[in-house]
C-alpha atoms as a PDB file:
ATOM      1  CA  MET A   1      -0.247  -0.076  -0.135  1.00  0.00           C
ATOM      2  CA  ALA A   2       2.981   2.467   0.978  1.00  0.00           C
ATOM      3  CA  GLU A   3       4.392   2.149  -2.872  1.00  0.00           C
ATOM      4  CA  ASP A   4       0.841   2.040  -4.236  1.00  0.00           C
ATOM      5  CA  LYS A   5       0.264   5.363  -2.068  1.00  0.00           C
ATOM      6  CA  LYS A   6       3.594   6.549  -3.584  1.00  0.00           C
ATOM      7  CA  VAL A   7       3.212   5.471  -7.078  1.00  0.00           C
ATOM      8  CA  GLU A   8       0.286   7.329  -6.962  1.00  0.00           C
ATOM      9  CA  GLU A   9       1.801  10.154  -5.419  1.00  0.00           C
ATOM     10  CA  SER A  10       4.921  10.439  -8.082  1.00  0.00           C
ATOM     11  CA  LYS A  11       1.446  10.035 -10.715  1.00  0.00           C
ATOM     12  CA  GLU A  12      -0.139  13.180  -9.752  1.00  0.00           C
ATOM     13  CA  SER A  13       3.585  15.052  -9.230  1.00  0.00           C
ATOM     14  CA  GLU A  14       3.826  13.891 -12.831  1.00  0.00           C
ATOM     15  CA  LYS A  15       0.581  15.324 -13.578  1.00  0.00           C
ATOM     16  CA  VAL A  16       0.936  18.530 -11.443  1.00  0.00           C
ATOM     17  CA  GLU A  17       4.849  18.928 -13.246  1.00  0.00           C
ATOM     18  CA  THR A  18       2.846  18.504 -17.214  1.00  0.00           C
ATOM     19  CA  GLU A  19       0.557  20.632 -16.019  1.00  0.00           C
ATOM     20  CA  GLU A  20       2.693  23.520 -14.410  1.00  0.00           C
ATOM     21  CA  GLY A  21       5.397  22.993 -17.730  1.00  0.00           C
ATOM     22  CA  SER A  22       2.533  23.170 -20.369  1.00  0.00           C
ATOM     23  CA  GLU A  23       1.341  26.337 -19.010  1.00  0.00           C
ATOM     24  CA  GLU A  24       4.443  27.523 -18.993  1.00  0.00           C
ATOM     25  CA  GLY A  25       5.158  26.163 -22.298  1.00  0.00           C
ATOM     26  CA  LYS A  26       1.893  27.722 -23.499  1.00  0.00           C
ATOM     27  CA  LYS A  27       2.971  31.523 -22.097  1.00  0.00           C
ATOM     28  CA  LYS A  28       6.483  30.398 -23.485  1.00  0.00           C
ATOM     29  CA  LYS A  29       4.770  30.416 -27.066  1.00  0.00           C
ATOM     30  CA  SER A  30       2.455  33.064 -26.601  1.00  0.00           C
ATOM     31  CA  SER A  31       5.473  35.331 -25.703  1.00  0.00           C
ATOM     32  CA  LEU A  32       6.937  33.871 -28.761  1.00  0.00           C
ATOM     33  CA  ILE A  33       4.293  34.969 -30.829  1.00  0.00           C
ATOM     34  CA  VAL A  34       3.958  38.414 -29.041  1.00  0.00           C
ATOM     35  CA  VAL A  35       7.958  38.916 -29.888  1.00  0.00           C
ATOM     36  CA  ILE A  36       7.305  37.469 -33.795  1.00  0.00           C
ATOM     37  CA  LEU A  37       3.654  39.901 -34.223  1.00  0.00           C
ATOM     38  CA  ILE A  38       6.224  43.130 -32.066  1.00  0.00           C
ATOM     39  CA  VAL A  39       9.121  41.840 -35.494  1.00  0.00           C
ATOM     40  CA  ILE A  40       6.633  41.873 -38.693  1.00  0.00           C
ATOM     41  CA  LEU A  41       5.010  44.781 -37.449  1.00  0.00           C
ATOM     42  CA  VAL A  42       7.880  46.738 -37.021  1.00  0.00           C
ATOM     43  CA  LEU A  43       9.847  45.140 -40.608  1.00  0.00           C
ATOM     44  CA  ALA A  44       6.334  46.928 -42.252  1.00  0.00           C
ATOM     45  CA  ILE A  45       5.928  50.108 -40.849  1.00  0.00           C
ATOM     46  CA  SER A  46      10.065  50.108 -41.517  1.00  0.00           C
ATOM     47  CA  THR A  47       9.306  49.200 -45.482  1.00  0.00           C
ATOM     48  CA  ALA A  48       5.737  50.839 -45.792  1.00  0.00           C
ATOM     49  CA  GLY A  49       7.789  54.729 -44.470  1.00  0.00           C
ATOM     50  CA  PHE A  50      11.214  53.544 -47.094  1.00  0.00           C
ATOM     51  CA  LEU A  51       8.341  53.378 -49.570  1.00  0.00           C
ATOM     52  CA  VAL A  52       6.552  56.848 -48.729  1.00  0.00           C
ATOM     53  CA  LEU A  53      10.500  58.579 -48.686  1.00  0.00           C
ATOM     54  CA  LYS A  54      11.174  56.885 -51.928  1.00  0.00           C
ATOM     55  CA  SER A  55       8.373  57.959 -53.657  1.00  0.00           C
ATOM     56  CA  GLY A  56       9.381  61.553 -52.136  1.00  0.00           C
ATOM     57  CA  ASP A  57      12.574  61.271 -53.414  1.00  0.00           C
ATOM     58  CA  SER A  58      11.350  60.752 -56.734  1.00  0.00           C
ATOM     59  CA  ALA A  59       8.609  63.482 -57.571  1.00  0.00           C
ATOM     60  CA  GLU A  60      11.738  66.164 -55.982  1.00  0.00           C
ATOM     61  CA  ASP A  61      14.281  64.762 -58.387  1.00  0.00           C
ATOM     62  CA  GLU A  62      11.994  65.228 -60.674  1.00  0.00           C
ATOM     63  CA  ALA A  63      11.756  68.636 -60.319  1.00  0.00           C
ATOM     64  CA  LYS A  64      15.249  69.064 -59.887  1.00  0.00           C
ATOM     65  CA  LYS A  65      15.928  68.264 -63.510  1.00  0.00           C
ATOM     66  CA  LEU A  66      13.118  70.202 -64.637  1.00  0.00           C
ATOM     67  CA  GLN A  67      15.111  73.026 -62.918  1.00  0.00           C
ATOM     68  CA  ALA A  68      18.162  71.785 -64.373  1.00  0.00           C
ATOM     69  CA  GLN A  69      17.289  71.786 -67.925  1.00  0.00           C
ATOM     70  CA  PRO A  70      18.688  74.828 -69.258  1.00  0.00           C
ATOM     71  CA  LEU A  71      16.511  76.635 -70.961  1.00  0.00           C
ATOM     72  CA  PRO A  72      17.234  77.775 -74.296  1.00  0.00           C
ATOM     73  CA  SER A  73      19.821  80.639 -74.887  1.00  0.00           C
ATOM     74  CA  VAL A  74      18.968  83.812 -77.147  1.00  0.00           C
ATOM     75  CA  PHE A  75      21.548  85.046 -79.039  1.00  0.00           C
ATOM     76  CA  PHE A  76      22.507  88.636 -79.868  1.00  0.00           C
ATOM     77  CA  GLU A  77      25.402  89.514 -81.970  1.00  0.00           C
ATOM     78  CA  MET A  78      26.784  92.743 -81.163  1.00  0.00           C
ATOM     79  CA  PRO A  79      28.261  95.515 -84.229  1.00  0.00           C
ATOM     80  CA  GLU A  80      32.393  95.267 -84.753  1.00  0.00           C
ATOM     81  CA  ILE A  81      33.798  97.580 -82.377  1.00  0.00           C
ATOM     82  CA  ILE A  82      37.289  98.732 -82.851  1.00  0.00           C
ATOM     83  CA  VAL A  83      38.931 100.642 -80.559  1.00  0.00           C
ATOM     84  CA  SER A  84      43.115 101.902 -80.120  1.00  0.00           C
ATOM     85  CA  LEU A  85      44.612  99.898 -77.703  1.00  0.00           C
ATOM     86  CA  SER A  86      46.377 102.762 -74.899  1.00  0.00           C
ATOM     87  CA  GLY A  87      49.984 102.652 -74.396  1.00  0.00           C
ATOM     88  CA  ASN A  88      53.035 103.708 -76.732  1.00  0.00           C
ATOM     89  CA  SER A  89      52.086 107.258 -79.389  1.00  0.00           C
ATOM     90  CA  SER A  90      54.503 106.097 -81.671  1.00  0.00           C
ATOM     91  CA  ASN A  91      53.923 102.450 -81.927  1.00  0.00           C
ATOM     92  CA  ILE A  92      49.726 102.725 -82.238  1.00  0.00           C
ATOM     93  CA  ARG A  93      48.088  99.156 -81.514  1.00  0.00           C
ATOM     94  CA  TYR A  94      44.179  98.510 -82.894  1.00  0.00           C
ATOM     95  CA  LEU A  95      41.856  96.088 -81.542  1.00  0.00           C
ATOM     96  CA  LYS A  96      38.659  94.327 -82.623  1.00  0.00           C
ATOM     97  CA  LEU A  97      36.159  92.905 -82.040  1.00  0.00           C
ATOM     98  CA  VAL A  98      32.790  91.005 -82.623  1.00  0.00           C
ATOM     99  CA  LEU A  99      30.843  89.656 -79.335  1.00  0.00           C
ATOM    100  CA  SER A 100      27.891  87.865 -79.637  1.00  0.00           C
ATOM    101  CA  LEU A 101      25.680  88.271 -75.576  1.00  0.00           C
ATOM    102  CA  GLU A 102      24.496  85.461 -74.291  1.00  0.00           C
ATOM    103  CA  ILE A 103      20.589  85.646 -73.253  1.00  0.00           C
ATOM    104  CA  ALA A 104      17.968  84.271 -71.846  1.00  0.00           C
ATOM    105  CA  THR A 105      14.614  84.772 -73.674  1.00  0.00           C
ATOM    106  CA  ALA A 106      14.008  86.928 -76.447  1.00  0.00           C
ATOM    107  CA  GLU A 107      12.011  89.532 -74.412  1.00  0.00           C
ATOM    108  CA  ASP A 108      15.441  89.964 -72.804  1.00  0.00           C
ATOM    109  CA  GLN A 109      17.647  90.921 -76.820  1.00  0.00           C
ATOM    110  CA  ALA A 110      14.900  93.387 -76.668  1.00  0.00           C
ATOM    111  CA  VAL A 111      15.843  95.203 -74.014  1.00  0.00           C
ATOM    112  CA  VAL A 112      19.309  94.613 -74.617  1.00  0.00           C
ATOM    113  CA  GLU A 113      18.824  96.274 -78.900  1.00  0.00           C
ATOM    114  CA  ALA A 114      16.615  99.618 -77.168  1.00  0.00           C
ATOM    115  CA  GLN A 115      20.203  99.926 -74.577  1.00  0.00           C
ATOM    116  CA  LEU A 116      23.112  99.093 -77.272  1.00  0.00           C
ATOM    117  CA  PRO A 117      23.700 102.992 -77.704  1.00  0.00           C
ATOM    118  CA  LYS A 118      25.178 102.669 -73.890  1.00  0.00           C
ATOM    119  CA  ILE A 119      26.561  99.454 -73.862  1.00  0.00           C
ATOM    120  CA  THR A 120      28.897 101.109 -76.695  1.00  0.00           C
ATOM    121  CA  ASP A 121      29.805 103.612 -74.696  1.00  0.00           C
ATOM    122  CA  GLU A 122      30.765 101.485 -71.892  1.00  0.00           C
ATOM    123  CA  TYR A 123      32.718  99.375 -73.750  1.00  0.00           C
ATOM    124  CA  GLN A 124      34.963 102.280 -75.796  1.00  0.00           C
ATOM    125  CA  THR A 125      35.389 103.604 -73.162  1.00  0.00           C
ATOM    126  CA  TYR A 126      36.864 100.239 -70.984  1.00  0.00           C
ATOM    127  CA  LEU A 127      38.737  99.349 -73.571  1.00  0.00           C
ATOM    128  CA  ARG A 128      40.851 102.023 -75.001  1.00  0.00           C
ATOM    129  CA  GLN A 129      42.453 102.296 -71.274  1.00  0.00           C
ATOM    130  CA  LEU A 130      43.666  98.908 -72.132  1.00  0.00           C
ATOM    131  CA  ARG A 131      47.804  97.939 -72.989  1.00  0.00           C
ATOM    132  CA  LEU A 132      48.431  95.200 -75.119  1.00  0.00           C
ATOM    133  CA  GLU A 133      50.407  93.367 -72.081  1.00  0.00           C
ATOM    134  CA  ASP A 134      46.662  93.615 -70.935  1.00  0.00           C
ATOM    135  CA  LEU A 135      45.410  91.042 -73.290  1.00  0.00           C
ATOM    136  CA  ARG A 136      47.971  88.169 -73.974  1.00  0.00           C
ATOM    137  CA  GLY A 137      47.145  84.658 -73.173  1.00  0.00           C
ATOM    138  CA  SER A 138      44.660  83.469 -72.056  1.00  0.00           C
ATOM    139  CA  VAL A 139      44.360  84.999 -68.796  1.00  0.00           C
ATOM    140  CA  GLY A 140      44.024  88.430 -70.194  1.00  0.00           C
ATOM    141  CA  THR A 141      41.036  87.129 -72.292  1.00  0.00           C
ATOM    142  CA  TYR A 142      38.984  85.363 -69.441  1.00  0.00           C
ATOM    143  CA  ARG A 143      39.864  88.772 -68.249  1.00  0.00           C
ATOM    144  CA  LEU A 144      38.673  90.280 -71.181  1.00  0.00           C
ATOM    145  CA  LYS A 145      35.096  88.424 -70.620  1.00  0.00           C
ATOM    146  CA  GLU A 146      34.467  89.261 -67.495  1.00  0.00           C
ATOM    147  CA  ALA A 147      35.378  92.856 -67.636  1.00  0.00           C
ATOM    148  CA  LEU A 148      33.229  93.544 -70.259  1.00  0.00           C
ATOM    149  CA  LEU A 149      30.167  91.249 -68.750  1.00  0.00           C
ATOM    150  CA  LEU A 150      29.963  93.103 -66.007  1.00  0.00           C
ATOM    151  CA  ARG A 151      29.755  96.383 -67.453  1.00  0.00           C
ATOM    152  CA  ILE A 152      27.281  94.833 -69.835  1.00  0.00           C
ATOM    153  CA  ASN A 153      24.484  93.142 -66.680  1.00  0.00           C
ATOM    154  CA  GLN A 154      25.012  96.928 -65.157  1.00  0.00           C
ATOM    155  CA  VAL A 155      23.882  99.101 -68.172  1.00  0.00           C
ATOM    156  CA  VAL A 156      21.168  97.094 -69.225  1.00  0.00           C
ATOM    157  CA  GLN A 157      19.877  95.547 -65.433  1.00  0.00           C
ATOM    158  CA  PRO A 158      17.337  93.781 -64.041  1.00  0.00           C
ATOM    159  CA  VAL A 159      18.192  92.061 -67.441  1.00  0.00           C
ATOM    160  CA  GLU A 160      20.615  89.642 -67.272  1.00  0.00           C
ATOM    161  CA  VAL A 161      23.229  88.313 -69.811  1.00  0.00           C
ATOM    162  CA  LYS A 162      24.662  85.593 -69.466  1.00  0.00           C
ATOM    163  CA  ASP A 163      27.948  85.190 -71.149  1.00  0.00           C
ATOM    164  CA  VAL A 164      30.163  87.438 -73.173  1.00  0.00           C
ATOM    165  CA  LEU A 165      31.629  84.913 -76.326  1.00  0.00           C
ATOM    166  CA  LEU A 166      34.096  86.143 -78.563  1.00  0.00           C
ATOM    167  CA  LYS A 167      33.611  85.522 -82.115  1.00  0.00           C
ATOM    168  CA  GLU A 168      37.029  87.924 -83.104  1.00  0.00           C
ATOM    169  CA  MET A 169      39.285  88.655 -81.217  1.00  0.00           C
ATOM    170  CA  LEU A 170      41.912  91.550 -83.175  1.00  0.00           C
ATOM    171  CA  VAL A 171      45.039  93.124 -81.884  1.00  0.00           C
ATOM    172  CA  GLN A 172      47.303  94.939 -85.105  1.00  0.00           C
END
């Protein structure tokens, strides 16, 4: 009998342990399911956020591409300019320039044409003070173009001339 009691007690303790084990197993399974659901939820939210940001970037990229596309420029041909350079009176040098101006629109070209006498005066005044040494090499040519661009933009404000192009430059 004592043995029967021990067997019954051991069976009962096994049942209690099994019930406790199954409860612990159920708790582990439910906590594992909760963790998996949280991970899936976080992945879904991060994926959705990435897709939203990606679509916003593409809209911004398209806007930047539209802005980056240069508008077709209009070129205005200036009349030929011939000036004597400053220097020795015995050795007179002449500068002949044929210029083309790069302007944004045709409406701006009308403003430049209207201001042509002022532009010519500004250029003549500047060019007559130059010496032959001021025009030597690519640095001299670059400085000349920059100076001419600065002067024309001062005359034709608020219109902006984008560039002064040298079609012909002859020093004689």
